[in-house]
Amino acid sequence: MADKLRYSITLRLYGEEKIFGPGIAELLEKVDEYHSLRRATMAMGMAYSKAWSIIKTAEQSLSFPLLISKTGGRGGGGAELSEPGRRFLQAYRTFERTVHDFADEIFEDMFGQEEE
């Protein structure tokens, strides 16, 4: 084939509405890195209010907290992943890798090309 074929898969989890996907996964990873929701949103170029809304919607649907917030003060505030939030994020990333690995195999079988 003249042009190399490729594909794209984006995994999103739904309940009544969209609950979790690559954007919130990245947001949680940034919170884990920076220990701050505000700093995570700044690194992603996302509005803090949008991030807070996305997280609250997911937490309501999942029935557990994704983040634990610390209020400000002398040492400053911050946020960290809750244990259920950390486990859910890890499960999502594992599921995502598994689906992509399987899709790579099927793509190779059907089209004779490996996805880059």
PDB file of N, CA and C in Angstrom:
ATOM      1  N   MET A   1       0.842  -1.181   0.000  1.00  0.00           N
ATOM      2  CA  MET A   1       0.000   0.000   0.000  1.00  0.00           C
ATOM      3  C   MET A   1       0.878   1.232   0.000  1.00  0.00           C
ATOM      4  N   ALA A   2       0.457   2.238  -0.737  1.00  0.00           N
ATOM      5  CA  ALA A   2       1.266   3.446  -0.870  1.00  0.00           C
ATOM      6  C   ALA A   2       1.481   4.146   0.466  1.00  0.00           C
ATOM      7  N   ASP A   3       0.405   4.401   1.162  1.00  0.00           N
ATOM      8  CA  ASP A   3       0.505   5.026   2.474  1.00  0.00           C
ATOM      9  C   ASP A   3       0.366   3.950   3.532  1.00  0.00           C
ATOM     10  N   LYS A   4       1.170   4.058   4.558  1.00  0.00           N
ATOM     11  CA  LYS A   4       1.077   3.092   5.639  1.00  0.00           C
ATOM     12  C   LYS A   4      -0.211   3.322   6.420  1.00  0.00           C
ATOM     13  N   LEU A   5      -0.978   2.263   6.582  1.00  0.00           N
ATOM     14  CA  LEU A   5      -2.219   2.363   7.349  1.00  0.00           C
ATOM     15  C   LEU A   5      -1.911   2.441   8.829  1.00  0.00           C
ATOM     16  N   ARG A   6      -2.763   3.102   9.539  1.00  0.00           N
ATOM     17  CA  ARG A   6      -2.673   3.153  10.991  1.00  0.00           C
ATOM     18  C   ARG A   6      -4.078   3.241  11.547  1.00  0.00           C
ATOM     19  N   TYR A   7      -4.215   3.065  12.831  1.00  0.00           N
ATOM     20  CA  TYR A   7      -5.516   3.139  13.466  1.00  0.00           C
ATOM     21  C   TYR A   7      -5.392   3.910  14.767  1.00  0.00           C
ATOM     22  N   SER A   8      -6.515   4.223  15.329  1.00  0.00           N
ATOM     23  CA  SER A   8      -6.536   4.940  16.594  1.00  0.00           C
ATOM     24  C   SER A   8      -7.667   4.386  17.453  1.00  0.00           C
ATOM     25  N   ILE A   9      -7.361   4.123  18.704  1.00  0.00           N
ATOM     26  CA  ILE A   9      -8.359   3.670  19.664  1.00  0.00           C
ATOM     27  C   ILE A   9      -8.253   4.570  20.885  1.00  0.00           C
ATOM     28  N   THR A  10      -9.372   5.103  21.302  1.00  0.00           N
ATOM     29  CA  THR A  10      -9.431   5.873  22.541  1.00  0.00           C
ATOM     30  C   THR A  10     -10.431   5.177  23.443  1.00  0.00           C
ATOM     31  N   LEU A  11      -9.991   4.805  24.624  1.00  0.00           N
ATOM     32  CA  LEU A  11     -10.861   4.083  25.553  1.00  0.00           C
ATOM     33  C   LEU A  11     -11.496   5.033  26.553  1.00  0.00           C
ATOM     34  N   ARG A  12     -12.798   4.972  26.606  1.00  0.00           N
ATOM     35  CA  ARG A  12     -13.564   5.754  27.579  1.00  0.00           C
ATOM     36  C   ARG A  12     -14.498   4.798  28.308  1.00  0.00           C
ATOM     37  N   LEU A  13     -14.667   5.031  29.589  1.00  0.00           N
ATOM     38  CA  LEU A  13     -15.560   4.215  30.395  1.00  0.00           C
ATOM     39  C   LEU A  13     -16.825   5.013  30.661  1.00  0.00           C
ATOM     40  N   TYR A  14     -17.959   4.335  30.529  1.00  0.00           N
ATOM     41  CA  TYR A  14     -19.252   4.987  30.671  1.00  0.00           C
ATOM     42  C   TYR A  14     -20.085   4.310  31.738  1.00  0.00           C
ATOM     43  N   GLY A  15     -20.912   5.082  32.380  1.00  0.00           N
ATOM     44  CA  GLY A  15     -21.997   4.618  33.223  1.00  0.00           C
ATOM     45  C   GLY A  15     -23.230   5.230  32.584  1.00  0.00           C
ATOM     46  N   GLU A  16     -23.913   6.077  33.298  1.00  0.00           N
ATOM     47  CA  GLU A  16     -25.014   6.856  32.712  1.00  0.00           C
ATOM     48  C   GLU A  16     -24.455   7.864  31.706  1.00  0.00           C
ATOM     49  N   GLU A  17     -23.228   8.314  31.970  1.00  0.00           N
ATOM     50  CA  GLU A  17     -22.530   9.264  31.096  1.00  0.00           C
ATOM     51  C   GLU A  17     -21.056   8.882  31.086  1.00  0.00           C
ATOM     52  N   LYS A  18     -20.255   9.627  30.340  1.00  0.00           N
ATOM     53  CA  LYS A  18     -18.823   9.359  30.312  1.00  0.00           C
ATOM     54  C   LYS A  18     -18.252   9.583  31.709  1.00  0.00           C
ATOM     55  N   ILE A  19     -17.522   8.581  32.201  1.00  0.00           N
ATOM     56  CA  ILE A  19     -16.966   8.646  33.548  1.00  0.00           C
ATOM     57  C   ILE A  19     -15.454   8.841  33.533  1.00  0.00           C
ATOM     58  N   PHE A  20     -14.786   8.123  32.642  1.00  0.00           N
ATOM     59  CA  PHE A  20     -13.327   8.079  32.729  1.00  0.00           C
ATOM     60  C   PHE A  20     -12.746   7.840  31.354  1.00  0.00           C
ATOM     61  N   GLY A  21     -11.627   8.507  31.067  1.00  0.00           N
ATOM     62  CA  GLY A  21     -10.953   8.338  29.797  1.00  0.00           C
ATOM     63  C   GLY A  21      -9.528   8.828  29.899  1.00  0.00           C
ATOM     64  N   PRO A  22      -8.870   8.995  28.769  1.00  0.00           N
ATOM     65  CA  PRO A  22      -7.467   9.381  28.793  1.00  0.00           C
ATOM     66  C   PRO A  22      -7.210  10.754  29.412  1.00  0.00           C
ATOM     67  N   GLY A  23      -8.152  11.678  29.277  1.00  0.00           N
ATOM     68  CA  GLY A  23      -7.951  13.016  29.842  1.00  0.00           C
ATOM     69  C   GLY A  23      -7.920  13.018  31.351  1.00  0.00           C
ATOM     70  N   ILE A  24      -8.887  12.360  31.976  1.00  0.00           N
ATOM     71  CA  ILE A  24      -8.911  12.319  33.440  1.00  0.00           C
ATOM     72  C   ILE A  24      -7.767  11.446  33.967  1.00  0.00           C
ATOM     73  N   ALA A  25      -7.390  10.422  33.212  1.00  0.00           N
ATOM     74  CA  ALA A  25      -6.249   9.587  33.613  1.00  0.00           C
ATOM     75  C   ALA A  25      -4.982  10.445  33.650  1.00  0.00           C
ATOM     76  N   GLU A  26      -4.777  11.246  32.620  1.00  0.00           N
ATOM     77  CA  GLU A  26      -3.605  12.134  32.590  1.00  0.00           C
ATOM     78  C   GLU A  26      -3.672  13.148  33.728  1.00  0.00           C
ATOM     79  N   LEU A  27      -4.854  13.690  33.977  1.00  0.00           N
ATOM     80  CA  LEU A  27      -5.026  14.646  35.062  1.00  0.00           C
ATOM     81  C   LEU A  27      -4.632  14.023  36.402  1.00  0.00           C
ATOM     82  N   LEU A  28      -5.095  12.815  36.661  1.00  0.00           N
ATOM     83  CA  LEU A  28      -4.747  12.142  37.917  1.00  0.00           C
ATOM     84  C   LEU A  28      -3.246  11.855  38.002  1.00  0.00           C
ATOM     85  N   GLU A  29      -2.640  11.488  36.886  1.00  0.00           N
ATOM     86  CA  GLU A  29      -1.193  11.262  36.882  1.00  0.00           C
ATOM     87  C   GLU A  29      -0.432  12.557  37.179  1.00  0.00           C
ATOM     88  N   LYS A  30      -0.928  13.673  36.654  1.00  0.00           N
ATOM     89  CA  LYS A  30      -0.291  14.976  36.935  1.00  0.00           C
ATOM     90  C   LYS A  30      -0.484  15.369  38.402  1.00  0.00           C
ATOM     91  N   VAL A  31      -1.659  15.093  38.954  1.00  0.00           N
ATOM     92  CA  VAL A  31      -1.879  15.371  40.381  1.00  0.00           C
ATOM     93  C   VAL A  31      -0.892  14.548  41.209  1.00  0.00           C
ATOM     94  N   ASP A  32      -0.709  13.299  40.820  1.00  0.00           N
ATOM     95  CA  ASP A  32       0.230  12.434  41.525  1.00  0.00           C
ATOM     96  C   ASP A  32       1.648  12.982  41.430  1.00  0.00           C
ATOM     97  N   GLU A  33       1.986  13.546  40.300  1.00  0.00           N
ATOM     98  CA  GLU A  33       3.323  14.120  40.089  1.00  0.00           C
ATOM     99  C   GLU A  33       3.513  15.417  40.866  1.00  0.00           C
ATOM    100  N   TYR A  34       2.530  16.317  40.796  1.00  0.00           N
ATOM    101  CA  TYR A  34       2.671  17.654  41.385  1.00  0.00           C
ATOM    102  C   TYR A  34       2.078  17.785  42.788  1.00  0.00           C
ATOM    103  N   HIS A  35       1.291  16.810  43.214  1.00  0.00           N
ATOM    104  CA  HIS A  35       0.611  16.861  44.524  1.00  0.00           C
ATOM    105  C   HIS A  35      -0.283  18.088  44.639  1.00  0.00           C
ATOM    106  N   SER A  36      -0.850  18.471  43.512  1.00  0.00           N
ATOM    107  CA  SER A  36      -1.700  19.664  43.475  1.00  0.00           C
ATOM    108  C   SER A  36      -2.592  19.600  42.243  1.00  0.00           C
ATOM    109  N   LEU A  37      -3.894  19.769  42.451  1.00  0.00           N
ATOM    110  CA  LEU A  37      -4.818  19.813  41.324  1.00  0.00           C
ATOM    111  C   LEU A  37      -4.579  21.071  40.504  1.00  0.00           C
ATOM    112  N   ARG A  38      -4.350  22.180  41.166  1.00  0.00           N
ATOM    113  CA  ARG A  38      -4.121  23.438  40.450  1.00  0.00           C
ATOM    114  C   ARG A  38      -2.879  23.342  39.565  1.00  0.00           C
ATOM    115  N   ARG A  39      -1.791  22.845  40.098  1.00  0.00           N
ATOM    116  CA  ARG A  39      -0.555  22.713  39.297  1.00  0.00           C
ATOM    117  C   ARG A  39      -0.740  21.713  38.157  1.00  0.00           C
ATOM    118  N   ALA A  40      -1.505  20.651  38.410  1.00  0.00           N
ATOM    119  CA  ALA A  40      -1.775  19.662  37.360  1.00  0.00           C
ATOM    120  C   ALA A  40      -2.550  20.298  36.212  1.00  0.00           C
ATOM    121  N   THR A  41      -3.564  21.096  36.551  1.00  0.00           N
ATOM    122  CA  THR A  41      -4.356  21.745  35.492  1.00  0.00           C
ATOM    123  C   THR A  41      -3.513  22.751  34.721  1.00  0.00           C
ATOM    124  N   MET A  42      -2.644  23.454  35.416  1.00  0.00           N
ATOM    125  CA  MET A  42      -1.770  24.412  34.729  1.00  0.00           C
ATOM    126  C   MET A  42      -0.845  23.691  33.748  1.00  0.00           C
ATOM    127  N   ALA A  43      -0.308  22.553  34.166  1.00  0.00           N
ATOM    128  CA  ALA A  43       0.589  21.779  33.296  1.00  0.00           C
ATOM    129  C   ALA A  43      -0.141  21.264  32.059  1.00  0.00           C
ATOM    130  N   MET A  44      -1.441  21.020  32.196  1.00  0.00           N
ATOM    131  CA  MET A  44      -2.225  20.493  31.077  1.00  0.00           C
ATOM    132  C   MET A  44      -2.918  21.589  30.272  1.00  0.00           C
ATOM    133  N   GLY A  45      -2.875  22.824  30.748  1.00  0.00           N
ATOM    134  CA  GLY A  45      -3.591  23.897  30.073  1.00  0.00           C
ATOM    135  C   GLY A  45      -5.098  23.745  30.209  1.00  0.00           C
ATOM    136  N   MET A  46      -5.538  23.227  31.344  1.00  0.00           N
ATOM    137  CA  MET A  46      -6.961  22.973  31.588  1.00  0.00           C
ATOM    138  C   MET A  46      -7.453  23.927  32.676  1.00  0.00           C
ATOM    139  N   ALA A  47      -8.671  24.371  32.541  1.00  0.00           N
ATOM    140  CA  ALA A  47      -9.267  25.224  33.565  1.00  0.00           C
ATOM    141  C   ALA A  47      -9.472  24.410  34.840  1.00  0.00           C
ATOM    142  N   TYR A  48      -9.128  25.011  35.966  1.00  0.00           N
ATOM    143  CA  TYR A  48      -9.281  24.353  37.262  1.00  0.00           C
ATOM    144  C   TYR A  48     -10.733  23.941  37.487  1.00  0.00           C
ATOM    145  N   SER A  49     -11.663  24.822  37.137  1.00  0.00           N
ATOM    146  CA  SER A  49     -13.086  24.527  37.351  1.00  0.00           C
ATOM    147  C   SER A  49     -13.534  23.330  36.512  1.00  0.00           C
ATOM    148  N   LYS A  50     -13.008  23.207  35.302  1.00  0.00           N
ATOM    149  CA  LYS A  50     -13.351  22.064  34.453  1.00  0.00           C
ATOM    150  C   LYS A  50     -12.801  20.781  35.066  1.00  0.00           C
ATOM    151  N   ALA A  51     -11.560  20.820  35.535  1.00  0.00           N
ATOM    152  CA  ALA A  51     -10.950  19.640  36.138  1.00  0.00           C
ATOM    153  C   ALA A  51     -11.739  19.201  37.369  1.00  0.00           C
ATOM    154  N   TRP A  52     -12.102  20.163  38.197  1.00  0.00           N
ATOM    155  CA  TRP A  52     -12.857  19.853  39.410  1.00  0.00           C
ATOM    156  C   TRP A  52     -14.197  19.221  39.051  1.00  0.00           C
ATOM    157  N   SER A  53     -14.862  19.733  38.042  1.00  0.00           N
ATOM    158  CA  SER A  53     -16.147  19.207  37.594  1.00  0.00           C
ATOM    159  C   SER A  53     -16.007  17.775  37.075  1.00  0.00           C
ATOM    160  N   ILE A  54     -14.992  17.519  36.277  1.00  0.00           N
ATOM    161  CA  ILE A  54     -14.745  16.184  35.726  1.00  0.00           C
ATOM    162  C   ILE A  54     -14.491  15.184  36.846  1.00  0.00           C
ATOM    163  N   ILE A  55     -13.690  15.579  37.801  1.00  0.00           N
ATOM    164  CA  ILE A  55     -13.366  14.693  38.914  1.00  0.00           C
ATOM    165  C   ILE A  55     -14.601  14.415  39.762  1.00  0.00           C
ATOM    166  N   LYS A  56     -15.372  15.449  40.077  1.00  0.00           N
ATOM    167  CA  LYS A  56     -16.584  15.258  40.896  1.00  0.00           C
ATOM    168  C   LYS A  56     -17.601  14.350  40.190  1.00  0.00           C
ATOM    169  N   THR A  57     -17.769  14.526  38.883  1.00  0.00           N
ATOM    170  CA  THR A  57     -18.683  13.668  38.116  1.00  0.00           C
ATOM    171  C   THR A  57     -18.223  12.221  38.174  1.00  0.00           C
ATOM    172  N   ALA A  58     -16.932  11.995  37.977  1.00  0.00           N
ATOM    173  CA  ALA A  58     -16.390  10.631  38.026  1.00  0.00           C
ATOM    174  C   ALA A  58     -16.552  10.036  39.420  1.00  0.00           C
ATOM    175  N   GLU A  59     -16.251  10.815  40.449  1.00  0.00           N
ATOM    176  CA  GLU A  59     -16.366  10.320  41.822  1.00  0.00           C
ATOM    177  C   GLU A  59     -17.808   9.926  42.149  1.00  0.00           C
ATOM    178  N   GLN A  60     -18.761  10.737  41.705  1.00  0.00           N
ATOM    179  CA  GLN A  60     -20.174  10.408  41.940  1.00  0.00           C
ATOM    180  C   GLN A  60     -20.552   9.100  41.268  1.00  0.00           C
ATOM    181  N   SER A  61     -20.140   8.934  40.027  1.00  0.00           N
ATOM    182  CA  SER A  61     -20.480   7.728  39.275  1.00  0.00           C
ATOM    183  C   SER A  61     -19.776   6.489  39.827  1.00  0.00           C
ATOM    184  N   LEU A  62     -18.538   6.661  40.263  1.00  0.00           N
ATOM    185  CA  LEU A  62     -17.759   5.527  40.756  1.00  0.00           C
ATOM    186  C   LEU A  62     -18.049   5.202  42.224  1.00  0.00           C
ATOM    187  N   SER A  63     -18.624   6.149  42.925  1.00  0.00           N
ATOM    188  CA  SER A  63     -18.953   5.993  44.350  1.00  0.00           C
ATOM    189  C   SER A  63     -17.731   5.861  45.254  1.00  0.00           C
ATOM    190  N   PHE A  64     -16.627   6.479  44.838  1.00  0.00           N
ATOM    191  CA  PHE A  64     -15.466   6.589  45.723  1.00  0.00           C
ATOM    192  C   PHE A  64     -14.660   7.810  45.297  1.00  0.00           C
ATOM    193  N   PRO A  65     -13.888   8.367  46.231  1.00  0.00           N
ATOM    194  CA  PRO A  65     -13.095   9.551  45.891  1.00  0.00           C
ATOM    195  C   PRO A  65     -11.869   9.175  45.054  1.00  0.00           C
ATOM    196  N   LEU A  66     -11.570   9.992  44.078  1.00  0.00           N
ATOM    197  CA  LEU A  66     -10.348   9.820  43.297  1.00  0.00           C
ATOM    198  C   LEU A  66      -9.198  10.580  43.940  1.00  0.00           C
ATOM    199  N   LEU A  67      -9.523  11.710  44.555  1.00  0.00           N
ATOM    200  CA  LEU A  67      -8.514  12.564  45.176  1.00  0.00           C
ATOM    201  C   LEU A  67      -8.826  12.807  46.637  1.00  0.00           C
ATOM    202  N   ILE A  68      -7.778  13.065  47.371  1.00  0.00           N
ATOM    203  CA  ILE A  68      -7.888  13.538  48.744  1.00  0.00           C
ATOM    204  C   ILE A  68      -7.267  14.933  48.743  1.00  0.00           C
ATOM    205  N   SER A  69      -8.062  15.919  49.108  1.00  0.00           N
ATOM    206  CA  SER A  69      -7.589  17.310  49.112  1.00  0.00           C
ATOM    207  C   SER A  69      -7.120  17.689  50.500  1.00  0.00           C
ATOM    208  N   LYS A  70      -6.063  18.489  50.544  1.00  0.00           N
ATOM    209  CA  LYS A  70      -5.563  19.044  51.788  1.00  0.00           C
ATOM    210  C   LYS A  70      -5.778  20.543  51.712  1.00  0.00           C
ATOM    211  N   THR A  71      -6.398  21.110  52.716  1.00  0.00           N
ATOM    212  CA  THR A  71      -6.641  22.552  52.703  1.00  0.00           C
ATOM    213  C   THR A  71      -5.337  23.296  52.952  1.00  0.00           C
ATOM    214  N   GLY A  72      -5.295  24.528  52.485  1.00  0.00           N
ATOM    215  CA  GLY A  72      -4.104  25.355  52.614  1.00  0.00           C
ATOM    216  C   GLY A  72      -3.818  25.719  54.061  1.00  0.00           C
ATOM    217  N   GLY A  73      -2.802  26.451  54.229  1.00  0.00           N
ATOM    218  CA  GLY A  73      -2.372  26.860  55.559  1.00  0.00           C
ATOM    219  C   GLY A  73      -0.892  27.150  55.490  1.00  0.00           C
ATOM    220  N   ARG A  74      -0.252  27.054  56.627  1.00  0.00           N
ATOM    221  CA  ARG A  74       1.184  27.356  56.681  1.00  0.00           C
ATOM    222  C   ARG A  74       1.974  26.505  55.689  1.00  0.00           C
ATOM    223  N   GLY A  75       1.689  25.190  55.635  1.00  0.00           N
ATOM    224  CA  GLY A  75       2.403  24.294  54.726  1.00  0.00           C
ATOM    225  C   GLY A  75       1.815  24.265  53.330  1.00  0.00           C
ATOM    226  N   GLY A  76       0.719  24.984  53.119  1.00  0.00           N
ATOM    227  CA  GLY A  76       0.065  24.987  51.813  1.00  0.00           C
ATOM    228  C   GLY A  76      -0.873  23.807  51.667  1.00  0.00           C
ATOM    229  N   GLY A  77      -1.729  23.875  50.697  1.00  0.00           N
ATOM    230  CA  GLY A  77      -2.685  22.810  50.438  1.00  0.00           C
ATOM    231  C   GLY A  77      -2.118  21.817  49.457  1.00  0.00           C
ATOM    232  N   GLY A  78      -2.982  21.053  48.884  1.00  0.00           N
ATOM    233  CA  GLY A  78      -2.536  20.092  47.892  1.00  0.00           C
ATOM    234  C   GLY A  78      -3.576  19.022  47.672  1.00  0.00           C
ATOM    235  N   ALA A  79      -3.212  18.069  46.881  1.00  0.00           N
ATOM    236  CA  ALA A  79      -4.101  16.945  46.592  1.00  0.00           C
ATOM    237  C   ALA A  79      -3.242  15.729  46.309  1.00  0.00           C
ATOM    238  N   GLU A  80      -3.827  14.582  46.587  1.00  0.00           N
ATOM    239  CA  GLU A  80      -3.163  13.326  46.253  1.00  0.00           C
ATOM    240  C   GLU A  80      -4.228  12.326  45.857  1.00  0.00           C
ATOM    241  N   LEU A  81      -3.799  11.278  45.172  1.00  0.00           N
ATOM    242  CA  LEU A  81      -4.735  10.239  44.776  1.00  0.00           C
ATOM    243  C   LEU A  81      -5.158   9.442  45.998  1.00  0.00           C
ATOM    244  N   SER A  82      -6.436   9.137  46.067  1.00  0.00           N
ATOM    245  CA  SER A  82      -6.915   8.228  47.104  1.00  0.00           C
ATOM    246  C   SER A  82      -6.447   6.822  46.717  1.00  0.00           C
ATOM    247  N   GLU A  83      -6.450   5.902  47.650  1.00  0.00           N
ATOM    248  CA  GLU A  83      -6.059   4.525  47.315  1.00  0.00           C
ATOM    249  C   GLU A  83      -7.001   3.905  46.285  1.00  0.00           C
ATOM    250  N   PRO A  84      -8.345   4.068  46.447  1.00  0.00           N
ATOM    251  CA  PRO A  84      -9.213   3.532  45.386  1.00  0.00           C
ATOM    252  C   PRO A  84      -8.983   4.237  44.051  1.00  0.00           C
ATOM    253  N   GLY A  85      -8.682   5.525  44.091  1.00  0.00           N
ATOM    254  CA  GLY A  85      -8.394   6.273  42.874  1.00  0.00           C
ATOM    255  C   GLY A  85      -7.139   5.774  42.194  1.00  0.00           C
ATOM    256  N   ARG A  86      -6.106   5.502  42.988  1.00  0.00           N
ATOM    257  CA  ARG A  86      -4.841   4.989  42.444  1.00  0.00           C
ATOM    258  C   ARG A  86      -5.055   3.611  41.806  1.00  0.00           C
ATOM    259  N   ARG A  87      -5.795   2.738  42.503  1.00  0.00           N
ATOM    260  CA  ARG A  87      -6.065   1.400  41.962  1.00  0.00           C
ATOM    261  C   ARG A  87      -6.879   1.482  40.668  1.00  0.00           C
ATOM    262  N   PHE A  88      -7.870   2.375  40.638  1.00  0.00           N
ATOM    263  CA  PHE A  88      -8.701   2.526  39.443  1.00  0.00           C
ATOM    264  C   PHE A  88      -7.866   3.040  38.271  1.00  0.00           C
ATOM    265  N   LEU A  89      -7.024   4.020  38.520  1.00  0.00           N
ATOM    266  CA  LEU A  89      -6.151   4.554  37.472  1.00  0.00           C
ATOM    267  C   LEU A  89      -5.226   3.464  36.941  1.00  0.00           C
ATOM    268  N   GLN A  90      -4.648   2.673  37.828  1.00  0.00           N
ATOM    269  CA  GLN A  90      -3.766   1.583  37.395  1.00  0.00           C
ATOM    270  C   GLN A  90      -4.537   0.543  36.583  1.00  0.00           C
ATOM    271  N   ALA A  91      -5.756   0.223  37.017  1.00  0.00           N
ATOM    272  CA  ALA A  91      -6.577  -0.747  36.279  1.00  0.00           C
ATOM    273  C   ALA A  91      -6.920  -0.208  34.893  1.00  0.00           C
ATOM    274  N   TYR A  92      -7.267   1.077  34.815  1.00  0.00           N
ATOM    275  CA  TYR A  92      -7.584   1.696  33.526  1.00  0.00           C
ATOM    276  C   TYR A  92      -6.372   1.628  32.591  1.00  0.00           C
ATOM    277  N   ARG A  93      -5.195   2.004  33.088  1.00  0.00           N
ATOM    278  CA  ARG A  93      -3.990   1.995  32.246  1.00  0.00           C
ATOM    279  C   ARG A  93      -3.632   0.567  31.818  1.00  0.00           C
ATOM    280  N   THR A  94      -3.822  -0.413  32.686  1.00  0.00           N
ATOM    281  CA  THR A  94      -3.567  -1.812  32.331  1.00  0.00           C
ATOM    282  C   THR A  94      -4.551  -2.274  31.260  1.00  0.00           C
ATOM    283  N   PHE A  95      -5.822  -1.942  31.447  1.00  0.00           N
ATOM    284  CA  PHE A  95      -6.852  -2.271  30.460  1.00  0.00           C
ATOM    285  C   PHE A  95      -6.517  -1.624  29.118  1.00  0.00           C
ATOM    286  N   GLU A  96      -6.114  -0.366  29.150  1.00  0.00           N
ATOM    287  CA  GLU A  96      -5.770   0.377  27.947  1.00  0.00           C
ATOM    288  C   GLU A  96      -4.602  -0.303  27.207  1.00  0.00           C
ATOM    289  N   ARG A  97      -3.548  -0.662  27.940  1.00  0.00           N
ATOM    290  CA  ARG A  97      -2.396  -1.334  27.316  1.00  0.00           C
ATOM    291  C   ARG A  97      -2.796  -2.684  26.729  1.00  0.00           C
ATOM    292  N   THR A  98      -3.621  -3.430  27.454  1.00  0.00           N
ATOM    293  CA  THR A  98      -4.054  -4.745  26.994  1.00  0.00           C
ATOM    294  C   THR A  98      -4.856  -4.633  25.703  1.00  0.00           C
ATOM    295  N   VAL A  99      -5.784  -3.686  25.658  1.00  0.00           N
ATOM    296  CA  VAL A  99      -6.600  -3.475  24.453  1.00  0.00           C
ATOM    297  C   VAL A  99      -5.715  -3.062  23.280  1.00  0.00           C
ATOM    298  N   HIS A 100      -4.777  -2.148  23.518  1.00  0.00           N
ATOM    299  CA  HIS A 100      -3.898  -1.708  22.433  1.00  0.00           C
ATOM    300  C   HIS A 100      -2.997  -2.842  21.943  1.00  0.00           C
ATOM    301  N   ASP A 101      -2.465  -3.642  22.872  1.00  0.00           N
ATOM    302  CA  ASP A 101      -1.627  -4.776  22.461  1.00  0.00           C
ATOM    303  C   ASP A 101      -2.418  -5.756  21.606  1.00  0.00           C
ATOM    304  N   PHE A 102      -3.644  -6.050  22.024  1.00  0.00           N
ATOM    305  CA  PHE A 102      -4.499  -6.957  21.260  1.00  0.00           C
ATOM    306  C   PHE A 102      -4.827  -6.347  19.896  1.00  0.00           C
ATOM    307  N   ALA A 103      -5.149  -5.074  19.881  1.00  0.00           N
ATOM    308  CA  ALA A 103      -5.472  -4.403  18.619  1.00  0.00           C
ATOM    309  C   ALA A 103      -4.273  -4.413  17.674  1.00  0.00           C
ATOM    310  N   ASP A 104      -3.065  -4.230  18.209  1.00  0.00           N
ATOM    311  CA  ASP A 104      -1.859  -4.286  17.369  1.00  0.00           C
ATOM    312  C   ASP A 104      -1.734  -5.652  16.692  1.00  0.00           C
ATOM    313  N   GLU A 105      -2.000  -6.723  17.451  1.00  0.00           N
ATOM    314  CA  GLU A 105      -1.910  -8.074  16.892  1.00  0.00           C
ATOM    315  C   GLU A 105      -2.951  -8.281  15.785  1.00  0.00           C
ATOM    316  N   ILE A 106      -4.171  -7.886  16.045  1.00  0.00           N
ATOM    317  CA  ILE A 106      -5.244  -8.051  15.060  1.00  0.00           C
ATOM    318  C   ILE A 106      -4.965  -7.192  13.821  1.00  0.00           C
ATOM    319  N   PHE A 107      -4.505  -5.983  14.035  1.00  0.00           N
ATOM    320  CA  PHE A 107      -4.184  -5.086  12.926  1.00  0.00           C
ATOM    321  C   PHE A 107      -3.112  -5.709  12.039  1.00  0.00           C
ATOM    322  N   GLU A 108      -2.073  -6.261  12.651  1.00  0.00           N
ATOM    323  CA  GLU A 108      -1.003  -6.915  11.902  1.00  0.00           C
ATOM    324  C   GLU A 108      -1.553  -8.102  11.107  1.00  0.00           C
ATOM    325  N   ASP A 109      -2.404  -8.909  11.744  1.00  0.00           N
ATOM    326  CA  ASP A 109      -2.986 -10.070  11.065  1.00  0.00           C
ATOM    327  C   ASP A 109      -3.851  -9.654   9.874  1.00  0.00           C
ATOM    328  N   MET A 110      -4.621  -8.623  10.046  1.00  0.00           N
ATOM    329  CA  MET A 110      -5.573  -8.225   8.998  1.00  0.00           C
ATOM    330  C   MET A 110      -4.973  -7.362   7.896  1.00  0.00           C
ATOM    331  N   PHE A 111      -4.009  -6.531   8.261  1.00  0.00           N
ATOM    332  CA  PHE A 111      -3.484  -5.570   7.281  1.00  0.00           C
ATOM    333  C   PHE A 111      -1.997  -5.741   7.006  1.00  0.00           C
ATOM    334  N   GLY A 112      -1.342  -6.663   7.713  1.00  0.00           N
ATOM    335  CA  GLY A 112       0.070  -6.929   7.455  1.00  0.00           C
ATOM    336  C   GLY A 112       0.991  -5.787   7.821  1.00  0.00           C
ATOM    337  N   GLN A 113       0.537  -4.948   8.734  1.00  0.00           N
ATOM    338  CA  GLN A 113       1.372  -3.815   9.159  1.00  0.00           C
ATOM    339  C   GLN A 113       1.288  -3.697  10.675  1.00  0.00           C
ATOM    340  N   GLU A 114       2.393  -3.353  11.260  1.00  0.00           N
ATOM    341  CA  GLU A 114       2.361  -3.081  12.695  1.00  0.00           C
ATOM    342  C   GLU A 114       2.098  -1.597  12.896  1.00  0.00           C
ATOM    343  N   GLU A 115       1.261  -1.291  13.903  1.00  0.00           N
ATOM    344  CA  GLU A 115       1.033   0.103  14.267  1.00  0.00           C
ATOM    345  C   GLU A 115       2.284   0.606  14.969  1.00  0.00           C
ATOM    346  N   GLU A 116       2.653   1.855  14.681  1.00  0.00           N
ATOM    347  CA  GLU A 116       3.862   2.436  15.302  1.00  0.00           C
ATOM    348  C   GLU A 116       3.590   2.881  16.694  1.00  0.00           C
TER     349      GLU A 116
END
